[in-house]
């Protein structure tokens, strides 16, 4: 004989499962609210030429410098855009720069790592110094802030301006030497990808340094 309570029991079980799911969902979401940032989509590589504007920026040491001068010291460059209060993209891209720095080892001074703030009103040189320490930035890794106009001009020069810091996307821009094309990696580039792009240039720097010893 069929149990008359079966449908009711099934409905109760389903309702209970839905309640449990609803209770757990916010916790799971809170625990991994930025899960999309953890699994990096495939990186898109392109090459282009950027016209570097003569904008004045302020390094984390408080020195006012011309961006065009900072990017023309002859060394290979790896450049990204960050802001210190970012909790999603920036910590990941900054950690990747830290990994690149570590993999370069004794050759890390041969590559100029450049991180430019897209939130200059908040990111004072002092804040950038603290941020640099957090990621173990060495002497070849510089952080820059400045006026809002200078930050926007720089973002537009590298085609990364999204109108609002909350809309920014992960982009890494590399160049092996002044006059060479820029390599743009859209997405969460790995330190190995960056190293691959820079390896020949770093080796050339080593040969040049040994030749002049």
N, C-alpha and C. Protein backbone atom coordinates (compact mmCIF):
# COMPACT_ATOMS: atom_id res chain seq x y z
N UNK A 1 0.85 -1.20 0.00
CA UNK A 1 0.00 0.00 0.00
C UNK A 1 0.89 1.25 0.00
N UNK A 2 0.58 2.22 -0.80
CA UNK A 2 1.40 3.42 -0.91
C UNK A 2 1.25 4.27 0.34
N UNK A 3 2.38 4.77 0.79
CA UNK A 3 2.42 5.63 1.97
C UNK A 3 1.87 7.01 1.60
N UNK A 4 0.78 7.40 2.24
CA UNK A 4 0.15 8.67 1.91
C UNK A 4 1.01 9.87 2.30
N UNK A 5 2.00 9.60 3.20
CA UNK A 5 2.83 10.71 3.66
C UNK A 5 4.06 10.94 2.78
N UNK A 6 4.26 10.05 1.77
CA UNK A 6 5.45 10.17 0.92
C UNK A 6 5.55 11.51 0.22
N UNK A 7 4.48 11.98 -0.46
CA UNK A 7 4.58 13.28 -1.15
C UNK A 7 4.92 14.41 -0.19
N UNK A 8 4.26 14.41 0.97
CA UNK A 8 4.51 15.46 1.95
C UNK A 8 5.94 15.41 2.43
N UNK A 9 6.42 14.18 2.67
CA UNK A 9 7.79 14.02 3.14
C UNK A 9 8.78 14.51 2.10
N UNK A 10 8.47 14.19 0.82
CA UNK A 10 9.36 14.62 -0.26
C UNK A 10 9.41 16.14 -0.34
N UNK A 11 8.22 16.76 -0.22
CA UNK A 11 8.16 18.21 -0.28
C UNK A 11 8.94 18.83 0.86
N UNK A 12 8.78 18.24 2.07
CA UNK A 12 9.50 18.75 3.24
C UNK A 12 11.01 18.60 3.05
N UNK A 13 11.43 17.47 2.50
CA UNK A 13 12.86 17.23 2.28
C UNK A 13 13.43 18.24 1.29
N UNK A 14 12.65 18.49 0.22
CA UNK A 14 13.09 19.44 -0.79
C UNK A 14 13.20 20.84 -0.20
N UNK A 15 12.17 21.21 0.58
CA UNK A 15 12.17 22.53 1.20
C UNK A 15 13.36 22.68 2.14
N UNK A 16 13.65 21.61 2.89
CA UNK A 16 14.78 21.64 3.83
C UNK A 16 16.10 21.81 3.07
N UNK A 17 16.21 21.08 1.95
CA UNK A 17 17.43 21.17 1.14
C UNK A 17 17.61 22.58 0.59
N UNK A 18 16.51 23.20 0.15
CA UNK A 18 16.58 24.56 -0.37
C UNK A 18 17.00 25.54 0.71
N UNK A 19 16.44 25.33 1.93
CA UNK A 19 16.79 26.20 3.05
C UNK A 19 18.26 26.09 3.38
N UNK A 20 18.77 24.86 3.41
CA UNK A 20 20.19 24.64 3.72
C UNK A 20 21.06 25.27 2.65
N UNK A 21 20.65 25.08 1.38
CA UNK A 21 21.41 25.66 0.28
C UNK A 21 21.45 27.17 0.37
N UNK A 22 20.30 27.77 0.69
CA UNK A 22 20.24 29.23 0.80
C UNK A 22 21.10 29.73 1.94
N UNK A 23 21.14 28.94 3.02
CA UNK A 23 21.96 29.35 4.18
C UNK A 23 23.44 29.25 3.86
N UNK A 24 23.81 28.24 3.09
CA UNK A 24 25.22 28.02 2.80
C UNK A 24 25.73 28.90 1.67
N UNK A 25 24.85 29.25 0.73
CA UNK A 25 25.28 29.98 -0.45
C UNK A 25 25.98 31.28 -0.12
N UNK A 26 25.42 32.16 0.77
CA UNK A 26 26.11 33.41 1.06
C UNK A 26 27.49 33.17 1.65
N UNK A 27 27.59 32.16 2.54
CA UNK A 27 28.88 31.88 3.16
C UNK A 27 29.89 31.44 2.12
N UNK A 28 29.44 30.57 1.20
CA UNK A 28 30.35 30.10 0.15
C UNK A 28 30.76 31.24 -0.74
N UNK A 29 29.80 32.12 -1.05
CA UNK A 29 30.10 33.25 -1.92
C UNK A 29 31.06 34.21 -1.24
N UNK A 30 30.82 34.44 0.07
CA UNK A 30 31.70 35.34 0.81
C UNK A 30 33.11 34.78 0.89
N UNK A 31 33.19 33.46 1.03
CA UNK A 31 34.50 32.81 1.14
C UNK A 31 35.28 32.93 -0.16
N UNK A 32 34.58 32.94 -1.28
CA UNK A 32 35.26 32.97 -2.58
C UNK A 32 34.56 33.94 -3.52
N UNK A 33 34.42 35.17 -3.05
CA UNK A 33 33.65 36.14 -3.81
C UNK A 33 34.28 36.48 -5.14
N UNK A 34 35.60 36.27 -5.24
CA UNK A 34 36.30 36.62 -6.47
C UNK A 34 36.87 35.37 -7.12
N UNK A 35 36.08 34.32 -7.11
CA UNK A 35 36.56 33.05 -7.66
C UNK A 35 36.98 33.18 -9.11
N UNK A 36 36.33 34.07 -9.83
CA UNK A 36 36.67 34.25 -11.24
C UNK A 36 38.09 34.73 -11.44
N UNK A 37 38.65 35.39 -10.42
CA UNK A 37 40.01 35.89 -10.54
C UNK A 37 41.04 34.80 -10.26
N UNK A 38 40.62 33.70 -9.62
CA UNK A 38 41.56 32.65 -9.24
C UNK A 38 41.93 31.78 -10.43
N UNK A 39 40.98 31.54 -11.30
CA UNK A 39 41.23 30.73 -12.48
C UNK A 39 41.38 31.68 -13.66
N UNK A 40 42.61 31.91 -14.03
CA UNK A 40 42.88 32.93 -15.05
C UNK A 40 42.43 32.47 -16.43
N UNK A 41 41.72 33.33 -17.14
CA UNK A 41 41.38 33.00 -18.52
C UNK A 41 42.66 33.02 -19.34
N UNK A 42 42.58 32.52 -20.55
CA UNK A 42 43.76 32.49 -21.39
C UNK A 42 44.24 33.92 -21.68
N UNK A 43 45.54 34.09 -21.59
CA UNK A 43 46.13 35.41 -21.83
C UNK A 43 46.19 35.70 -23.33
N UNK A 44 45.83 36.92 -23.68
CA UNK A 44 45.92 37.34 -25.08
C UNK A 44 47.18 38.16 -25.28
N UNK A 45 48.00 37.77 -26.24
CA UNK A 45 49.26 38.47 -26.51
C UNK A 45 49.14 39.28 -27.78
N UNK A 46 49.61 40.52 -27.72
CA UNK A 46 49.65 41.36 -28.91
C UNK A 46 50.88 42.26 -28.82
N UNK A 47 51.28 42.81 -29.95
CA UNK A 47 52.40 43.76 -29.95
C UNK A 47 51.92 45.07 -30.54
N UNK A 48 52.47 46.15 -30.03
CA UNK A 48 52.06 47.47 -30.49
C UNK A 48 53.13 48.49 -30.15
N UNK A 49 52.99 49.69 -30.66
CA UNK A 49 53.86 50.81 -30.31
C UNK A 49 53.03 51.82 -29.53
N UNK A 50 53.55 52.24 -28.40
CA UNK A 50 52.86 53.24 -27.59
C UNK A 50 53.68 54.53 -27.61
N UNK A 51 52.99 55.66 -27.72
CA UNK A 51 53.65 56.96 -27.62
C UNK A 51 53.64 57.35 -26.13
N UNK A 52 54.82 57.37 -25.53
CA UNK A 52 54.91 57.64 -24.10
C UNK A 52 54.83 59.14 -23.85
N UNK A 53 53.83 59.59 -23.10
CA UNK A 53 53.69 61.03 -22.86
C UNK A 53 54.73 61.53 -21.86
N UNK A 54 55.08 62.81 -21.97
CA UNK A 54 56.03 63.42 -21.02
C UNK A 54 55.27 63.89 -19.78
N UNK A 55 54.64 62.95 -19.10
CA UNK A 55 53.90 63.31 -17.89
C UNK A 55 54.81 63.17 -16.68
N UNK A 56 54.54 63.99 -15.68
CA UNK A 56 55.30 63.92 -14.44
C UNK A 56 54.58 62.99 -13.47
N UNK A 57 55.30 62.03 -12.95
CA UNK A 57 54.78 61.13 -11.93
C UNK A 57 55.68 61.22 -10.69
N UNK A 58 55.18 60.70 -9.59
CA UNK A 58 55.95 60.71 -8.34
C UNK A 58 56.23 59.27 -7.94
N UNK A 59 57.52 58.94 -7.81
CA UNK A 59 57.91 57.60 -7.37
C UNK A 59 57.63 57.42 -5.89
N UNK A 60 57.67 56.17 -5.45
CA UNK A 60 57.41 55.90 -4.04
C UNK A 60 58.44 56.53 -3.11
N UNK A 61 59.60 56.92 -3.66
CA UNK A 61 60.61 57.59 -2.82
C UNK A 61 60.37 59.10 -2.74
N UNK A 62 59.26 59.57 -3.36
CA UNK A 62 58.92 60.99 -3.30
C UNK A 62 59.52 61.82 -4.42
N UNK A 63 60.33 61.22 -5.28
CA UNK A 63 60.97 61.94 -6.37
C UNK A 63 59.99 62.14 -7.53
N UNK A 64 59.91 63.38 -8.02
CA UNK A 64 59.10 63.67 -9.20
C UNK A 64 59.93 63.40 -10.44
N UNK A 65 59.38 62.59 -11.34
CA UNK A 65 60.14 62.15 -12.51
C UNK A 65 59.26 62.24 -13.77
N UNK A 66 59.91 62.24 -14.92
CA UNK A 66 59.20 62.16 -16.18
C UNK A 66 59.04 60.69 -16.55
N UNK A 67 57.83 60.30 -16.89
CA UNK A 67 57.57 58.91 -17.26
C UNK A 67 58.46 58.50 -18.45
N UNK A 68 58.60 59.38 -19.42
CA UNK A 68 59.40 59.05 -20.60
C UNK A 68 60.85 58.76 -20.22
N UNK A 69 61.37 59.47 -19.23
CA UNK A 69 62.75 59.21 -18.77
C UNK A 69 62.84 57.88 -18.03
N UNK A 70 61.84 57.62 -17.20
CA UNK A 70 61.85 56.39 -16.40
C UNK A 70 61.80 55.15 -17.27
N UNK A 71 61.17 55.26 -18.43
CA UNK A 71 61.02 54.12 -19.32
C UNK A 71 62.11 54.06 -20.40
N UNK A 72 63.12 54.90 -20.24
CA UNK A 72 64.14 54.97 -21.30
C UNK A 72 65.55 54.80 -20.74
N UNK A 73 65.69 53.99 -19.68
CA UNK A 73 67.03 53.81 -19.11
C UNK A 73 67.78 52.65 -19.75
N UNK A 74 67.20 52.08 -20.82
CA UNK A 74 67.90 51.03 -21.56
C UNK A 74 67.55 49.62 -21.14
N UNK A 75 66.94 49.48 -19.96
CA UNK A 75 66.62 48.14 -19.47
C UNK A 75 65.29 47.63 -20.04
N UNK A 76 65.13 46.31 -20.10
CA UNK A 76 63.81 45.75 -20.39
C UNK A 76 62.83 46.21 -19.31
N UNK A 77 61.56 46.31 -19.70
CA UNK A 77 60.53 46.83 -18.79
C UNK A 77 59.37 45.86 -18.70
N UNK A 78 58.87 45.69 -17.49
CA UNK A 78 57.57 45.03 -17.26
C UNK A 78 56.72 46.03 -16.50
N UNK A 79 55.55 46.35 -17.05
CA UNK A 79 54.74 47.45 -16.50
C UNK A 79 53.32 46.97 -16.25
N UNK A 80 52.77 47.41 -15.11
CA UNK A 80 51.36 47.13 -14.85
C UNK A 80 50.72 48.32 -14.14
N UNK A 81 49.42 48.25 -13.95
CA UNK A 81 48.66 49.32 -13.29
C UNK A 81 47.96 48.73 -12.08
N UNK A 82 48.10 49.40 -10.94
CA UNK A 82 47.56 48.87 -9.68
C UNK A 82 46.95 50.00 -8.85
N UNK A 83 46.27 49.66 -7.78
CA UNK A 83 45.99 50.62 -6.71
C UNK A 83 46.01 49.86 -5.40
N UNK A 84 46.43 50.53 -4.34
CA UNK A 84 46.80 49.83 -3.11
C UNK A 84 45.62 49.26 -2.34
N UNK A 85 44.42 49.80 -2.53
CA UNK A 85 43.26 49.28 -1.81
C UNK A 85 42.52 48.20 -2.59
N UNK A 86 43.01 47.86 -3.76
CA UNK A 86 42.40 46.79 -4.58
C UNK A 86 42.56 45.46 -3.85
N UNK A 87 41.52 44.66 -3.85
CA UNK A 87 41.55 43.36 -3.16
C UNK A 87 41.42 42.19 -4.12
N UNK A 88 41.35 42.45 -5.41
CA UNK A 88 41.13 41.36 -6.35
C UNK A 88 42.28 41.23 -7.34
N UNK A 89 42.25 42.02 -8.39
CA UNK A 89 43.23 41.90 -9.47
C UNK A 89 44.64 42.29 -9.03
N UNK A 90 44.77 43.44 -8.36
CA UNK A 90 46.10 43.99 -8.07
C UNK A 90 46.97 43.10 -7.19
N UNK A 91 46.44 42.50 -6.11
CA UNK A 91 47.31 41.60 -5.34
C UNK A 91 47.84 40.43 -6.17
N UNK A 92 47.03 39.94 -7.11
CA UNK A 92 47.47 38.83 -7.95
C UNK A 92 48.54 39.27 -8.94
N UNK A 93 48.33 40.41 -9.59
CA UNK A 93 49.34 40.86 -10.56
C UNK A 93 50.61 41.32 -9.85
N UNK A 94 50.47 41.90 -8.67
CA UNK A 94 51.66 42.30 -7.91
C UNK A 94 52.43 41.08 -7.42
N UNK A 95 51.72 40.04 -7.01
CA UNK A 95 52.38 38.80 -6.60
C UNK A 95 53.12 38.17 -7.78
N UNK A 96 52.54 38.29 -8.97
CA UNK A 96 53.21 37.76 -10.16
C UNK A 96 54.50 38.53 -10.44
N UNK A 97 54.47 39.84 -10.25
CA UNK A 97 55.70 40.63 -10.39
C UNK A 97 56.73 40.19 -9.35
N UNK A 98 56.27 39.92 -8.14
CA UNK A 98 57.19 39.45 -7.09
C UNK A 98 57.82 38.11 -7.48
N UNK A 99 57.01 37.24 -8.10
CA UNK A 99 57.53 35.94 -8.57
C UNK A 99 58.55 36.15 -9.69
N UNK A 100 58.26 37.07 -10.61
CA UNK A 100 59.20 37.37 -11.69
C UNK A 100 60.51 37.88 -11.11
N UNK A 101 60.40 38.77 -10.15
CA UNK A 101 61.59 39.32 -9.49
C UNK A 101 62.42 38.20 -8.87
N UNK A 102 61.73 37.26 -8.20
CA UNK A 102 62.44 36.14 -7.57
C UNK A 102 63.11 35.24 -8.60
N UNK A 103 62.42 34.99 -9.71
CA UNK A 103 62.97 34.11 -10.75
C UNK A 103 64.17 34.75 -11.46
N UNK A 104 64.19 36.07 -11.51
CA UNK A 104 65.34 36.75 -12.10
C UNK A 104 66.56 36.63 -11.21
N UNK A 105 66.32 36.46 -9.91
CA UNK A 105 67.42 36.24 -8.97
C UNK A 105 68.45 37.35 -9.02
N UNK A 106 69.73 36.99 -9.19
CA UNK A 106 70.79 38.01 -9.21
C UNK A 106 70.70 38.95 -10.42
N UNK A 107 69.87 38.60 -11.40
CA UNK A 107 69.72 39.43 -12.60
C UNK A 107 68.53 40.38 -12.49
N UNK A 108 67.89 40.45 -11.31
CA UNK A 108 66.65 41.23 -11.22
C UNK A 108 66.87 42.72 -11.47
N UNK A 109 68.06 43.23 -11.21
CA UNK A 109 68.30 44.65 -11.48
C UNK A 109 68.36 44.95 -12.97
N UNK A 110 68.45 43.89 -13.80
CA UNK A 110 68.51 44.07 -15.26
C UNK A 110 67.14 44.38 -15.86
N UNK A 111 66.07 44.18 -15.09
CA UNK A 111 64.71 44.44 -15.58
C UNK A 111 64.06 45.50 -14.70
N UNK A 112 63.50 46.52 -15.33
CA UNK A 112 62.81 47.59 -14.60
C UNK A 112 61.33 47.22 -14.47
N UNK A 113 60.90 46.94 -13.25
CA UNK A 113 59.50 46.65 -12.98
C UNK A 113 58.81 47.96 -12.62
N UNK A 114 57.70 48.25 -13.28
CA UNK A 114 57.01 49.53 -13.15
C UNK A 114 55.54 49.28 -12.80
N UNK A 115 55.10 49.80 -11.66
CA UNK A 115 53.69 49.70 -11.25
C UNK A 115 53.15 51.11 -11.06
N UNK A 116 52.12 51.45 -11.83
CA UNK A 116 51.58 52.80 -11.83
C UNK A 116 50.18 52.79 -11.22
N UNK A 117 49.96 53.68 -10.25
CA UNK A 117 48.66 53.72 -9.57
C UNK A 117 47.58 54.34 -10.45
N UNK A 118 46.40 53.71 -10.41
CA UNK A 118 45.23 54.29 -11.08
C UNK A 118 44.30 54.96 -10.07
N UNK A 119 44.81 55.11 -8.83
CA UNK A 119 44.05 55.78 -7.77
C UNK A 119 44.98 56.77 -7.06
N UNK A 120 45.49 57.76 -7.82
CA UNK A 120 46.53 58.64 -7.26
C UNK A 120 46.07 59.49 -6.08
N UNK A 121 44.77 59.76 -5.98
CA UNK A 121 44.29 60.57 -4.85
C UNK A 121 44.53 59.85 -3.53
N UNK A 122 44.39 58.53 -3.52
CA UNK A 122 44.59 57.74 -2.31
C UNK A 122 46.03 57.24 -2.17
N UNK A 123 46.64 56.93 -3.30
CA UNK A 123 47.95 56.29 -3.28
C UNK A 123 49.08 57.32 -3.20
N UNK A 124 49.38 57.74 -1.99
CA UNK A 124 50.50 58.65 -1.74
C UNK A 124 51.80 57.86 -1.86
N UNK A 125 52.93 58.54 -1.99
CA UNK A 125 54.21 57.82 -2.00
C UNK A 125 54.38 56.92 -0.77
N UNK A 126 53.94 57.40 0.39
CA UNK A 126 54.06 56.60 1.62
C UNK A 126 53.25 55.30 1.50
N UNK A 127 52.05 55.41 0.97
CA UNK A 127 51.22 54.21 0.79
C UNK A 127 51.87 53.25 -0.20
N UNK A 128 52.45 53.80 -1.25
CA UNK A 128 53.12 52.95 -2.23
C UNK A 128 54.34 52.27 -1.62
N UNK A 129 55.05 52.97 -0.73
CA UNK A 129 56.20 52.35 -0.07
C UNK A 129 55.75 51.16 0.78
N UNK A 130 54.64 51.34 1.49
CA UNK A 130 54.11 50.23 2.30
C UNK A 130 53.69 49.07 1.41
N UNK A 131 53.05 49.39 0.30
CA UNK A 131 52.60 48.36 -0.65
C UNK A 131 53.81 47.63 -1.23
N UNK A 132 54.85 48.38 -1.56
CA UNK A 132 56.07 47.78 -2.10
C UNK A 132 56.69 46.80 -1.11
N UNK A 133 56.72 47.18 0.15
CA UNK A 133 57.28 46.30 1.19
C UNK A 133 56.45 45.02 1.32
N UNK A 134 55.15 45.18 1.21
CA UNK A 134 54.25 44.02 1.33
C UNK A 134 54.59 42.94 0.31
N UNK A 135 55.04 43.35 -0.87
CA UNK A 135 55.35 42.39 -1.93
C UNK A 135 56.85 42.17 -2.11
N UNK A 136 57.63 42.69 -1.17
CA UNK A 136 59.07 42.46 -1.22
C UNK A 136 59.75 43.08 -2.42
N UNK A 137 59.29 44.27 -2.83
CA UNK A 137 59.85 44.92 -4.01
C UNK A 137 61.32 45.28 -3.80
N UNK A 138 62.14 44.90 -4.76
CA UNK A 138 63.55 45.23 -4.73
C UNK A 138 63.81 46.60 -5.35
N UNK A 139 65.08 47.01 -5.44
CA UNK A 139 65.41 48.35 -5.94
C UNK A 139 65.09 48.58 -7.41
N UNK A 140 64.84 47.52 -8.17
CA UNK A 140 64.52 47.68 -9.59
C UNK A 140 63.01 47.70 -9.85
N UNK A 141 62.22 47.64 -8.77
CA UNK A 141 60.77 47.66 -8.91
C UNK A 141 60.27 48.98 -8.36
N UNK A 142 59.75 49.85 -9.22
CA UNK A 142 59.30 51.18 -8.81
C UNK A 142 57.79 51.32 -8.92
N UNK A 143 57.26 52.11 -7.99
CA UNK A 143 55.82 52.40 -7.95
C UNK A 143 55.64 53.90 -8.15
N UNK A 144 54.57 54.26 -8.89
CA UNK A 144 54.39 55.66 -9.26
C UNK A 144 52.96 56.12 -8.98
N UNK A 145 52.86 57.37 -8.55
CA UNK A 145 51.58 58.03 -8.38
C UNK A 145 51.71 59.42 -9.01
N UNK A 146 50.86 60.35 -8.64
CA UNK A 146 50.93 61.70 -9.23
C UNK A 146 49.56 62.34 -9.21
N UNK A 147 49.34 63.25 -10.11
CA UNK A 147 48.02 63.87 -10.20
C UNK A 147 47.06 62.93 -10.93
N UNK A 148 45.79 63.18 -10.76
CA UNK A 148 44.79 62.38 -11.46
C UNK A 148 44.96 62.53 -12.98
N UNK A 149 45.23 63.76 -13.42
CA UNK A 149 45.40 64.01 -14.86
C UNK A 149 46.59 63.22 -15.40
N UNK A 150 47.68 63.16 -14.65
CA UNK A 150 48.86 62.42 -15.09
C UNK A 150 48.58 60.93 -15.14
N UNK A 151 47.84 60.44 -14.15
CA UNK A 151 47.50 59.01 -14.13
C UNK A 151 46.62 58.65 -15.32
N UNK A 152 45.62 59.48 -15.60
CA UNK A 152 44.71 59.21 -16.72
C UNK A 152 45.47 59.28 -18.05
N UNK A 153 46.35 60.28 -18.18
CA UNK A 153 47.12 60.41 -19.43
C UNK A 153 47.98 59.17 -19.65
N UNK A 154 48.54 58.64 -18.56
CA UNK A 154 49.37 57.44 -18.66
C UNK A 154 48.54 56.22 -19.03
N UNK A 155 47.38 56.09 -18.38
CA UNK A 155 46.49 54.97 -18.68
C UNK A 155 46.03 55.01 -20.14
N UNK A 156 45.71 56.20 -20.62
CA UNK A 156 45.25 56.33 -22.01
C UNK A 156 46.38 56.04 -22.98
N UNK A 157 47.61 56.42 -22.62
CA UNK A 157 48.75 56.17 -23.50
C UNK A 157 48.95 54.68 -23.73
N UNK A 158 48.64 53.88 -22.68
CA UNK A 158 48.80 52.43 -22.79
C UNK A 158 47.46 51.71 -23.02
N UNK A 159 46.43 52.49 -23.33
CA UNK A 159 45.11 51.93 -23.66
C UNK A 159 44.58 51.01 -22.57
N UNK A 160 44.65 51.48 -21.32
CA UNK A 160 44.09 50.71 -20.21
C UNK A 160 43.05 51.50 -19.42
N UNK A 161 42.75 52.72 -19.86
CA UNK A 161 41.79 53.55 -19.13
C UNK A 161 40.39 52.97 -19.28
N UNK A 162 39.76 52.66 -18.16
CA UNK A 162 38.40 52.12 -18.16
C UNK A 162 37.40 53.08 -17.52
N UNK A 163 37.85 54.30 -17.22
CA UNK A 163 36.94 55.30 -16.67
C UNK A 163 36.76 55.24 -15.17
N UNK A 164 37.00 54.10 -14.57
CA UNK A 164 36.82 53.92 -13.13
C UNK A 164 37.74 52.81 -12.67
N UNK A 165 38.35 53.00 -11.51
CA UNK A 165 39.30 51.98 -11.03
C UNK A 165 38.63 50.63 -10.80
N UNK A 166 37.34 50.64 -10.49
CA UNK A 166 36.64 49.38 -10.24
C UNK A 166 36.45 48.57 -11.52
N UNK A 167 36.62 49.21 -12.66
CA UNK A 167 36.43 48.52 -13.95
C UNK A 167 37.75 48.06 -14.56
N UNK A 168 38.85 48.23 -13.83
CA UNK A 168 40.14 47.90 -14.44
C UNK A 168 40.27 46.40 -14.68
N UNK A 169 41.13 46.07 -15.64
CA UNK A 169 41.35 44.67 -16.02
C UNK A 169 42.84 44.36 -15.93
N UNK A 170 43.19 43.09 -15.74
CA UNK A 170 44.61 42.73 -15.65
C UNK A 170 45.32 42.86 -17.00
N UNK A 171 46.34 43.69 -17.04
CA UNK A 171 47.13 43.89 -18.24
C UNK A 171 48.59 44.02 -17.83
N UNK A 172 49.47 43.33 -18.53
CA UNK A 172 50.91 43.48 -18.32
C UNK A 172 51.52 43.90 -19.65
N UNK A 173 52.38 44.91 -19.61
CA UNK A 173 52.97 45.45 -20.82
C UNK A 173 54.49 45.37 -20.69
N UNK A 174 55.14 44.76 -21.68
CA UNK A 174 56.57 44.55 -21.61
C UNK A 174 57.28 45.11 -22.84
N UNK A 175 58.54 45.50 -22.64
CA UNK A 175 59.36 45.94 -23.77
C UNK A 175 60.80 45.52 -23.48
N UNK A 176 61.46 44.96 -24.47
CA UNK A 176 62.80 44.44 -24.24
C UNK A 176 63.87 45.53 -24.28
N UNK A 177 63.60 46.65 -24.98
CA UNK A 177 64.56 47.75 -25.06
C UNK A 177 63.88 48.96 -25.69
N UNK A 178 64.38 50.17 -25.41
CA UNK A 178 63.82 51.36 -26.07
C UNK A 178 63.85 51.20 -27.58
N UNK A 179 62.74 51.59 -28.22
CA UNK A 179 62.64 51.47 -29.67
C UNK A 179 62.05 50.16 -30.14
N UNK A 180 62.00 49.18 -29.25
CA UNK A 180 61.41 47.89 -29.60
C UNK A 180 59.89 47.95 -29.41
N UNK A 181 59.14 47.09 -30.09
CA UNK A 181 57.69 47.07 -29.87
C UNK A 181 57.35 46.64 -28.44
N UNK A 182 56.22 47.11 -27.97
CA UNK A 182 55.71 46.67 -26.67
C UNK A 182 54.92 45.39 -26.86
N UNK A 183 55.06 44.48 -25.92
CA UNK A 183 54.25 43.25 -25.89
C UNK A 183 53.18 43.44 -24.82
N UNK A 184 51.95 43.26 -25.23
CA UNK A 184 50.82 43.44 -24.31
C UNK A 184 50.21 42.08 -24.01
N UNK A 185 50.09 41.77 -22.72
CA UNK A 185 49.46 40.52 -22.27
C UNK A 185 48.18 40.88 -21.53
N UNK A 186 47.05 40.69 -22.17
CA UNK A 186 45.75 40.93 -21.53
C UNK A 186 45.33 39.67 -20.81
N UNK A 187 44.97 39.81 -19.53
CA UNK A 187 44.64 38.65 -18.71
C UNK A 187 45.70 38.47 -17.63
N UNK A 188 45.55 37.42 -16.85
CA UNK A 188 46.48 37.17 -15.76
C UNK A 188 47.72 36.45 -16.28
N UNK A 189 48.68 37.23 -16.77
CA UNK A 189 49.93 36.66 -17.26
C UNK A 189 50.69 36.03 -16.10
N UNK A 190 51.39 34.95 -16.38
CA UNK A 190 52.21 34.30 -15.35
C UNK A 190 53.63 34.86 -15.40
N UNK A 191 54.37 34.63 -14.32
CA UNK A 191 55.76 35.09 -14.29
C UNK A 191 56.58 34.36 -15.35
N UNK A 192 56.23 33.11 -15.65
CA UNK A 192 56.96 32.37 -16.69
C UNK A 192 56.72 32.98 -18.07
N UNK A 193 55.48 33.44 -18.32
CA UNK A 193 55.21 34.10 -19.60
C UNK A 193 56.04 35.36 -19.74
N UNK A 194 56.11 36.14 -18.66
CA UNK A 194 56.90 37.38 -18.69
C UNK A 194 58.37 37.05 -18.88
N UNK A 195 58.84 36.06 -18.16
CA UNK A 195 60.25 35.68 -18.25
C UNK A 195 60.61 35.24 -19.67
N UNK A 196 59.69 34.54 -20.29
CA UNK A 196 59.92 34.09 -21.66
C UNK A 196 60.08 35.28 -22.60
N UNK A 197 59.24 36.30 -22.41
CA UNK A 197 59.32 37.50 -23.25
C UNK A 197 60.62 38.26 -23.03
N UNK A 198 61.12 38.24 -21.79
CA UNK A 198 62.26 39.07 -21.43
C UNK A 198 63.59 38.33 -21.45
N UNK A 199 63.55 37.00 -21.55
CA UNK A 199 64.76 36.19 -21.35
C UNK A 199 65.92 36.62 -22.26
N UNK A 200 65.67 36.76 -23.55
CA UNK A 200 66.74 37.12 -24.49
C UNK A 200 67.33 38.48 -24.15
N UNK A 201 66.46 39.43 -23.78
CA UNK A 201 66.94 40.77 -23.45
C UNK A 201 67.79 40.75 -22.18
N UNK A 202 67.38 39.95 -21.20
CA UNK A 202 68.14 39.84 -19.96
C UNK A 202 69.50 39.20 -20.23
N UNK A 203 69.51 38.19 -21.08
CA UNK A 203 70.77 37.53 -21.44
C UNK A 203 71.70 38.52 -22.15
N UNK A 204 71.13 39.36 -23.01
CA UNK A 204 71.93 40.37 -23.70
C UNK A 204 72.50 41.38 -22.71
N UNK A 205 71.69 41.74 -21.69
CA UNK A 205 72.16 42.65 -20.65
C UNK A 205 73.34 42.03 -19.90
N UNK A 206 73.25 40.73 -19.61
CA UNK A 206 74.33 40.03 -18.93
C UNK A 206 75.61 40.06 -19.75
N UNK A 207 75.48 39.78 -21.05
CA UNK A 207 76.65 39.78 -21.92
C UNK A 207 77.29 41.17 -21.97
N UNK A 208 76.43 42.18 -22.03
CA UNK A 208 76.91 43.56 -22.08
C UNK A 208 77.66 43.90 -20.79
N UNK A 209 77.10 43.48 -19.65
CA UNK A 209 77.71 43.77 -18.35
C UNK A 209 79.07 43.07 -18.23
N UNK A 210 79.14 41.80 -18.64
CA UNK A 210 80.40 41.05 -18.56
C UNK A 210 81.47 41.66 -19.48
N UNK A 211 81.02 42.16 -20.63
CA UNK A 211 81.95 42.73 -21.61
C UNK A 211 82.63 43.98 -21.05
N UNK A 212 81.90 44.73 -20.19
CA UNK A 212 82.43 45.97 -19.67
C UNK A 212 83.07 45.83 -18.29
N UNK A 213 83.19 44.61 -17.82
CA UNK A 213 83.84 44.39 -16.52
C UNK A 213 85.36 44.41 -16.67
